PDB file of N, CA and C in Angstrom:
ATOM      1  N   MET A   1      -1.848  -0.757  32.116  1.00  0.00           N
ATOM      2  CA  MET A   1      -2.310  -2.096  32.390  1.00  0.00           C
ATOM      3  C   MET A   1      -3.696  -1.995  33.030  1.00  0.00           C
ATOM      4  N   GLU A   2      -4.604  -2.780  32.579  1.00  0.00           N
ATOM      5  CA  GLU A   2      -5.988  -2.729  33.205  1.00  0.00           C
ATOM      6  C   GLU A   2      -6.009  -3.670  34.421  1.00  0.00           C
ATOM      7  N   LYS A   3      -6.883  -3.303  35.273  1.00  0.00           N
ATOM      8  CA  LYS A   3      -7.128  -4.012  36.531  1.00  0.00           C
ATOM      9  C   LYS A   3      -8.548  -4.316  36.643  1.00  0.00           C
ATOM     10  N   LEU A   4      -8.846  -5.409  37.425  1.00  0.00           N
ATOM     11  CA  LEU A   4     -10.252  -5.685  37.842  1.00  0.00           C
ATOM     12  C   LEU A   4     -10.745  -4.530  38.689  1.00  0.00           C
ATOM     13  N   THR A   5     -12.076  -4.346  38.635  1.00  0.00           N
ATOM     14  CA  THR A   5     -12.653  -3.444  39.656  1.00  0.00           C
ATOM     15  C   THR A   5     -12.557  -4.101  41.050  1.00  0.00           C
ATOM     16  N   LYS A   6     -12.696  -3.257  41.990  1.00  0.00           N
ATOM     17  CA  LYS A   6     -12.643  -3.782  43.399  1.00  0.00           C
ATOM     18  C   LYS A   6     -13.713  -4.911  43.559  1.00  0.00           C
ATOM     19  N   GLU A   7     -14.909  -4.671  43.022  1.00  0.00           N
ATOM     20  CA  GLU A   7     -15.969  -5.641  43.206  1.00  0.00           C
ATOM     21  C   GLU A   7     -15.681  -6.917  42.478  1.00  0.00           C
ATOM     22  N   GLU A   8     -15.137  -6.846  41.283  1.00  0.00           N
ATOM     23  CA  GLU A   8     -14.742  -8.010  40.524  1.00  0.00           C
ATOM     24  C   GLU A   8     -13.716  -8.808  41.191  1.00  0.00           C
ATOM     25  N   LEU A   9     -12.699  -8.159  41.747  1.00  0.00           N
ATOM     26  CA  LEU A   9     -11.643  -8.742  42.393  1.00  0.00           C
ATOM     27  C   LEU A   9     -12.084  -9.474  43.632  1.00  0.00           C
ATOM     28  N   GLU A  10     -12.979  -8.776  44.455  1.00  0.00           N
ATOM     29  CA  GLU A  10     -13.528  -9.313  45.713  1.00  0.00           C
ATOM     30  C   GLU A  10     -14.415 -10.550  45.381  1.00  0.00           C
ATOM     31  N   LEU A  11     -15.213 -10.489  44.321  1.00  0.00           N
ATOM     32  CA  LEU A  11     -16.004 -11.589  43.967  1.00  0.00           C
ATOM     33  C   LEU A  11     -15.144 -12.808  43.583  1.00  0.00           C
ATOM     34  N   LEU A  12     -14.151 -12.626  42.754  1.00  0.00           N
ATOM     35  CA  LEU A  12     -13.243 -13.667  42.321  1.00  0.00           C
ATOM     36  C   LEU A  12     -12.490 -14.290  43.456  1.00  0.00           C
ATOM     37  N   GLN A  13     -11.985 -13.436  44.334  1.00  0.00           N
ATOM     38  CA  GLN A  13     -11.251 -13.880  45.538  1.00  0.00           C
ATOM     39  C   GLN A  13     -12.163 -14.673  46.408  1.00  0.00           C
ATOM     40  N   GLY A  14     -13.425 -14.264  46.595  1.00  0.00           N
ATOM     41  CA  GLY A  14     -14.373 -15.013  47.335  1.00  0.00           C
ATOM     42  C   GLY A  14     -14.681 -16.323  46.834  1.00  0.00           C
ATOM     43  N   LEU A  15     -14.823 -16.477  45.420  1.00  0.00           N
ATOM     44  CA  LEU A  15     -15.113 -17.762  44.799  1.00  0.00           C
ATOM     45  C   LEU A  15     -13.870 -18.652  45.012  1.00  0.00           C
ATOM     46  N   VAL A  16     -12.629 -18.207  44.902  1.00  0.00           N
ATOM     47  CA  VAL A  16     -11.490 -19.034  45.011  1.00  0.00           C
ATOM     48  C   VAL A  16     -11.441 -19.513  46.525  1.00  0.00           C
ATOM     49  N   THR A  17     -11.693 -18.668  47.489  1.00  0.00           N
ATOM     50  CA  THR A  17     -11.686 -19.034  48.876  1.00  0.00           C
ATOM     51  C   THR A  17     -12.742 -20.189  49.106  1.00  0.00           C
ATOM     52  N   GLU A  18     -13.942 -19.944  48.564  1.00  0.00           N
ATOM     53  CA  GLU A  18     -15.067 -20.950  48.800  1.00  0.00           C
ATOM     54  C   GLU A  18     -14.610 -22.292  48.116  1.00  0.00           C
ATOM     55  N   TYR A  19     -14.006 -22.213  46.946  1.00  0.00           N
ATOM     56  CA  TYR A  19     -13.627 -23.422  46.195  1.00  0.00           C
ATOM     57  C   TYR A  19     -12.514 -24.182  47.065  1.00  0.00           C
ATOM     58  N   ASN A  20     -11.568 -23.422  47.540  1.00  0.00           N
ATOM     59  CA  ASN A  20     -10.520 -24.039  48.349  1.00  0.00           C
ATOM     60  C   ASN A  20     -11.067 -24.632  49.652  1.00  0.00           C
ATOM     61  N   ASN A  21     -12.049 -23.925  50.233  1.00  0.00           N
ATOM     62  CA  ASN A  21     -12.687 -24.523  51.462  1.00  0.00           C
ATOM     63  C   ASN A  21     -13.413 -25.802  51.238  1.00  0.00           C
ATOM     64  N   VAL A  22     -13.999 -25.888  50.049  1.00  0.00           N
ATOM     65  CA  VAL A  22     -14.800 -27.119  49.702  1.00  0.00           C
ATOM     66  C   VAL A  22     -13.779 -28.222  49.486  1.00  0.00           C
ATOM     67  N   LYS A  23     -12.649 -27.937  48.821  1.00  0.00           N
ATOM     68  CA  LYS A  23     -11.600 -28.959  48.632  1.00  0.00           C
ATOM     69  C   LYS A  23     -11.055 -29.511  49.939  1.00  0.00           C
ATOM     70  N   ILE A  24     -10.950 -28.581  50.894  1.00  0.00           N
ATOM     71  CA  ILE A  24     -10.437 -29.024  52.144  1.00  0.00           C
ATOM     72  C   ILE A  24     -11.469 -29.888  52.885  1.00  0.00           C
ATOM     73  N   ARG A  25     -12.765 -29.534  52.712  1.00  0.00           N
ATOM     74  CA  ARG A  25     -13.735 -30.371  53.417  1.00  0.00           C
ATOM     75  C   ARG A  25     -13.810 -31.683  52.758  1.00  0.00           C
ATOM     76  N   ILE A  26     -13.643 -31.784  51.416  1.00  0.00           N
ATOM     77  CA  ILE A  26     -13.579 -33.110  50.717  1.00  0.00           C
ATOM     78  C   ILE A  26     -12.439 -33.922  51.310  1.00  0.00           C
ATOM     79  N   ALA A  27     -11.276 -33.296  51.459  1.00  0.00           N
ATOM     80  CA  ALA A  27     -10.089 -34.051  51.924  1.00  0.00           C
ATOM     81  C   ALA A  27     -10.338 -34.532  53.348  1.00  0.00           C
ATOM     82  N   ASP A  28     -10.948 -33.650  54.190  1.00  0.00           N
ATOM     83  CA  ASP A  28     -11.297 -34.054  55.599  1.00  0.00           C
ATOM     84  C   ASP A  28     -12.301 -35.282  55.594  1.00  0.00           C
ATOM     85  N   THR A  29     -13.236 -35.225  54.638  1.00  0.00           N
ATOM     86  CA  THR A  29     -14.176 -36.333  54.512  1.00  0.00           C
ATOM     87  C   THR A  29     -13.470 -37.679  54.187  1.00  0.00           C
ATOM     88  N   GLU A  30     -12.551 -37.582  53.211  1.00  0.00           N
ATOM     89  CA  GLU A  30     -11.789 -38.689  52.776  1.00  0.00           C
ATOM     90  C   GLU A  30     -11.021 -39.264  53.902  1.00  0.00           C
ATOM     91  N   ILE A  31     -10.404 -38.434  54.655  1.00  0.00           N
ATOM     92  CA  ILE A  31      -9.611 -38.904  55.872  1.00  0.00           C
ATOM     93  C   ILE A  31     -10.585 -39.577  56.851  1.00  0.00           C
ATOM     94  N   ALA A  32     -11.762 -39.039  57.098  1.00  0.00           N
ATOM     95  CA  ALA A  32     -12.682 -39.690  57.973  1.00  0.00           C
ATOM     96  C   ALA A  32     -13.146 -41.017  57.436  1.00  0.00           C
ATOM     97  N   LYS A  33     -13.337 -41.023  56.113  1.00  0.00           N
ATOM     98  CA  LYS A  33     -13.795 -42.220  55.536  1.00  0.00           C
ATOM     99  C   LYS A  33     -12.829 -43.412  55.676  1.00  0.00           C
ATOM    100  N   GLU A  34     -11.523 -43.076  55.462  1.00  0.00           N
ATOM    101  CA  GLU A  34     -10.457 -44.013  55.680  1.00  0.00           C
ATOM    102  C   GLU A  34     -10.405 -44.535  57.141  1.00  0.00           C
ATOM    103  N   SER A  35     -10.621 -43.676  58.062  1.00  0.00           N
ATOM    104  CA  SER A  35     -10.701 -44.061  59.490  1.00  0.00           C
ATOM    105  C   SER A  35     -11.830 -44.973  59.740  1.00  0.00           C
ATOM    106  N   LEU A  36     -13.014 -44.708  59.150  1.00  0.00           N
ATOM    107  CA  LEU A  36     -14.275 -45.536  59.354  1.00  0.00           C
ATOM    108  C   LEU A  36     -14.008 -46.799  58.710  1.00  0.00           C
ATOM    109  N   LEU A  37     -13.384 -46.890  57.516  1.00  0.00           N
ATOM    110  CA  LEU A  37     -13.186 -48.203  56.903  1.00  0.00           C
ATOM    111  C   LEU A  37     -12.224 -49.038  57.634  1.00  0.00           C
ATOM    112  N   LYS A  38     -11.285 -48.551  58.286  1.00  0.00           N
ATOM    113  CA  LYS A  38     -10.389 -49.319  59.196  1.00  0.00           C
ATOM    114  C   LYS A  38     -11.185 -49.838  60.412  1.00  0.00           C
ATOM    115  N   GLU A  39     -12.010 -48.949  60.925  1.00  0.00           N
ATOM    116  CA  GLU A  39     -12.865 -49.335  62.045  1.00  0.00           C
ATOM    117  C   GLU A  39     -13.732 -50.477  61.740  1.00  0.00           C
ATOM    118  N   ILE A  40     -14.398 -50.445  60.513  1.00  0.00           N
ATOM    119  CA  ILE A  40     -15.303 -51.544  60.194  1.00  0.00           C
ATOM    120  C   ILE A  40     -14.599 -52.823  59.918  1.00  0.00           C
ATOM    121  N   GLU A  41     -13.379 -52.664  59.407  1.00  0.00           N
ATOM    122  CA  GLU A  41     -12.635 -53.943  59.196  1.00  0.00           C
ATOM    123  C   GLU A  41     -12.255 -54.607  60.463  1.00  0.00           C
ATOM    124  N   ALA A  42     -11.937 -53.792  61.482  1.00  0.00           N
ATOM    125  CA  ALA A  42     -11.640 -54.318  62.853  1.00  0.00           C
ATOM    126  C   ALA A  42     -12.863 -54.878  63.427  1.00  0.00           C
ATOM    127  N   MET A  43     -14.073 -54.293  63.172  1.00  0.00           N
ATOM    128  CA  MET A  43     -15.297 -54.891  63.628  1.00  0.00           C
ATOM    129  C   MET A  43     -15.594 -56.244  63.034  1.00  0.00           C
ATOM    130  N   LYS A  44     -15.358 -56.217  61.685  1.00  0.00           N
ATOM    131  CA  LYS A  44     -15.652 -57.564  60.943  1.00  0.00           C
ATOM    132  C   LYS A  44     -14.773 -58.605  61.575  1.00  0.00           C
ATOM    133  N   ALA A  45     -13.481 -58.329  61.744  1.00  0.00           N
ATOM    134  CA  ALA A  45     -12.567 -59.359  62.297  1.00  0.00           C
ATOM    135  C   ALA A  45     -13.020 -59.846  63.662  1.00  0.00           C
ATOM    136  N   SER A  46     -13.464 -58.908  64.443  1.00  0.00           N
ATOM    137  CA  SER A  46     -13.989 -59.314  65.796  1.00  0.00           C
ATOM    138  C   SER A  46     -15.240 -60.158  65.658  1.00  0.00           C
ATOM    139  N   TYR A  47     -16.018 -59.809  64.715  1.00  0.00           N
ATOM    140  CA  TYR A  47     -17.329 -60.650  64.501  1.00  0.00           C
ATOM    141  C   TYR A  47     -16.940 -61.995  64.053  1.00  0.00           C
ATOM    142  N   ILE A  48     -16.055 -62.128  63.086  1.00  0.00           N
ATOM    143  CA  ILE A  48     -15.626 -63.411  62.608  1.00  0.00           C
ATOM    144  C   ILE A  48     -15.159 -64.295  63.703  1.00  0.00           C
ATOM    145  N   LYS A  49     -14.223 -63.627  64.536  1.00  0.00           N
ATOM    146  CA  LYS A  49     -13.649 -64.454  65.695  1.00  0.00           C
ATOM    147  C   LYS A  49     -14.758 -64.914  66.635  1.00  0.00           C
ATOM    148  N   GLU A  50     -15.646 -64.094  66.983  1.00  0.00           N
ATOM    149  CA  GLU A  50     -16.800 -64.510  67.875  1.00  0.00           C
ATOM    150  C   GLU A  50     -17.726 -65.516  67.235  1.00  0.00           C
ATOM    151  N   GLU A  51     -17.987 -65.362  65.958  1.00  0.00           N
ATOM    152  CA  GLU A  51     -18.778 -66.236  65.219  1.00  0.00           C
ATOM    153  C   GLU A  51     -18.185 -67.685  65.217  1.00  0.00           C
ATOM    154  N   LYS A  52     -16.814 -67.765  65.053  1.00  0.00           N
ATOM    155  CA  LYS A  52     -16.133 -69.023  65.071  1.00  0.00           C
ATOM    156  C   LYS A  52     -16.277 -69.655  66.425  1.00  0.00           C
ATOM    157  N   LYS A  53     -16.186 -68.852  67.458  1.00  0.00           N
ATOM    158  CA  LYS A  53     -16.295 -69.464  68.821  1.00  0.00           C
ATOM    159  C   LYS A  53     -17.672 -70.063  69.048  1.00  0.00           C
ATOM    160  N   LEU A  54     -18.677 -69.344  68.612  1.00  0.00           N
ATOM    161  CA  LEU A  54     -20.014 -69.787  68.844  1.00  0.00           C
ATOM    162  C   LEU A  54     -20.332 -71.016  67.932  1.00  0.00           C
ATOM    163  N   LEU A  55     -19.816 -71.071  66.731  1.00  0.00           N
ATOM    164  CA  LEU A  55     -20.037 -72.208  65.835  1.00  0.00           C
ATOM    165  C   LEU A  55     -19.360 -73.487  66.471  1.00  0.00           C
ATOM    166  N   GLU A  56     -18.139 -73.265  67.019  1.00  0.00           N
ATOM    167  CA  GLU A  56     -17.514 -74.407  67.740  1.00  0.00           C
ATOM    168  C   GLU A  56     -18.394 -74.922  68.858  1.00  0.00           C
ATOM    169  N   LYS A  57     -18.954 -73.928  69.686  1.00  0.00           N
ATOM    170  CA  LYS A  57     -19.695 -74.259  70.844  1.00  0.00           C
ATOM    171  C   LYS A  57     -21.042 -74.968  70.492  1.00  0.00           C
ATOM    172  N   TYR A  58     -21.788 -74.295  69.537  1.00  0.00           N
ATOM    173  CA  TYR A  58     -23.148 -74.728  69.224  1.00  0.00           C
ATOM    174  C   TYR A  58     -23.192 -75.573  67.926  1.00  0.00           C
ATOM    175  N   GLY A  59     -22.216 -75.692  67.230  1.00  0.00           N
ATOM    176  CA  GLY A  59     -22.224 -76.523  65.983  1.00  0.00           C
ATOM    177  C   GLY A  59     -22.255 -75.616  64.716  1.00  0.00           C
ATOM    178  N   ASP A  60     -21.703 -76.140  63.620  1.00  0.00           N
ATOM    179  CA  ASP A  60     -21.569 -75.382  62.415  1.00  0.00           C
ATOM    180  C   ASP A  60     -22.897 -75.167  61.789  1.00  0.00           C
ATOM    181  N   ASP A  61     -24.004 -75.928  62.185  1.00  0.00           N
ATOM    182  CA  ASP A  61     -25.211 -75.714  61.517  1.00  0.00           C
ATOM    183  C   ASP A  61     -26.172 -74.857  62.404  1.00  0.00           C
ATOM    184  N   ALA A  62     -25.693 -74.346  63.507  1.00  0.00           N
ATOM    185  CA  ALA A  62     -26.436 -73.564  64.433  1.00  0.00           C
ATOM    186  C   ALA A  62     -26.893 -72.170  63.784  1.00  0.00           C
ATOM    187  N   LEU A  63     -28.167 -71.850  64.044  1.00  0.00           N
ATOM    188  CA  LEU A  63     -28.782 -70.612  63.673  1.00  0.00           C
ATOM    189  C   LEU A  63     -29.052 -69.778  64.865  1.00  0.00           C
ATOM    190  N   ILE A  64     -28.379 -68.594  64.952  1.00  0.00           N
ATOM    191  CA  ILE A  64     -28.516 -67.805  66.238  1.00  0.00           C
ATOM    192  C   ILE A  64     -29.375 -66.616  65.923  1.00  0.00           C
ATOM    193  N   ASN A  65     -30.372 -66.358  66.666  1.00  0.00           N
ATOM    194  CA  ASN A  65     -31.086 -65.184  66.654  1.00  0.00           C
ATOM    195  C   ASN A  65     -30.458 -64.093  67.504  1.00  0.00           C
ATOM    196  N   VAL A  66     -29.931 -63.003  66.783  1.00  0.00           N
ATOM    197  CA  VAL A  66     -29.085 -62.011  67.552  1.00  0.00           C
ATOM    198  C   VAL A  66     -29.951 -61.186  68.415  1.00  0.00           C
ATOM    199  N   GLN A  67     -31.333 -61.112  68.098  1.00  0.00           N
ATOM    200  CA  GLN A  67     -32.153 -60.332  69.103  1.00  0.00           C
ATOM    201  C   GLN A  67     -32.502 -61.079  70.325  1.00  0.00           C
ATOM    202  N   THR A  68     -32.795 -62.399  70.242  1.00  0.00           N
ATOM    203  CA  THR A  68     -33.190 -63.134  71.420  1.00  0.00           C
ATOM    204  C   THR A  68     -32.134 -64.012  72.021  1.00  0.00           C
ATOM    205  N   GLY A  69     -31.075 -64.332  71.257  1.00  0.00           N
ATOM    206  CA  GLY A  69     -30.015 -65.178  71.785  1.00  0.00           C
ATOM    207  C   GLY A  69     -30.409 -66.603  71.569  1.00  0.00           C
ATOM    208  N   GLU A  70     -31.590 -66.902  71.024  1.00  0.00           N
ATOM    209  CA  GLU A  70     -32.013 -68.377  70.787  1.00  0.00           C
ATOM    210  C   GLU A  70     -31.137 -68.968  69.748  1.00  0.00           C
ATOM    211  N   VAL A  71     -30.784 -70.190  70.009  1.00  0.00           N
ATOM    212  CA  VAL A  71     -29.919 -71.010  69.143  1.00  0.00           C
ATOM    213  C   VAL A  71     -30.764 -72.205  68.666  1.00  0.00           C
ATOM    214  N   LYS A  72     -30.877 -72.339  67.357  1.00  0.00           N
ATOM    215  CA  LYS A  72     -31.525 -73.515  66.765  1.00  0.00           C
ATOM    216  C   LYS A  72     -30.525 -74.323  65.945  1.00  0.00           C
ATOM    217  N   ASN A  73     -30.780 -75.549  65.880  1.00  0.00           N
ATOM    218  CA  ASN A  73     -30.026 -76.457  65.015  1.00  0.00           C
ATOM    219  C   ASN A  73     -30.416 -76.111  63.541  1.00  0.00           C
ATOM    220  N   GLY A  74     -29.507 -76.161  62.642  1.00  0.00           N
ATOM    221  CA  GLY A  74     -29.866 -75.810  61.257  1.00  0.00           C
ATOM    222  C   GLY A  74     -30.813 -76.682  60.623  1.00  0.00           C
ATOM    223  N   ASN A  75     -31.115 -77.920  61.285  1.00  0.00           N
ATOM    224  CA  ASN A  75     -32.046 -78.868  60.684  1.00  0.00           C
ATOM    225  C   ASN A  75     -33.462 -78.608  61.117  1.00  0.00           C
ATOM    226  N   ASN A  76     -33.625 -77.761  62.071  1.00  0.00           N
ATOM    227  CA  ASN A  76     -35.001 -77.533  62.678  1.00  0.00           C
ATOM    228  C   ASN A  76     -35.587 -76.282  61.978  1.00  0.00           C
TER     229      ASN A  76
END
């Protein structure tokens, strides 16, 4: 029975190891992505809640400058 040379075997084993490591990194990235997507959904929900409060207080046609805090009526 023929066998790979030591160099061929080491090269092949190294490539398989690198391939598996990249697959693991991709999986870790997907897990992090899922976590971030949940985080952004929670942030959106908080934003919508606060936006509703502000619209009730300042009116449905209020335009709010988020940098200055200035509130203008939508007709102005």
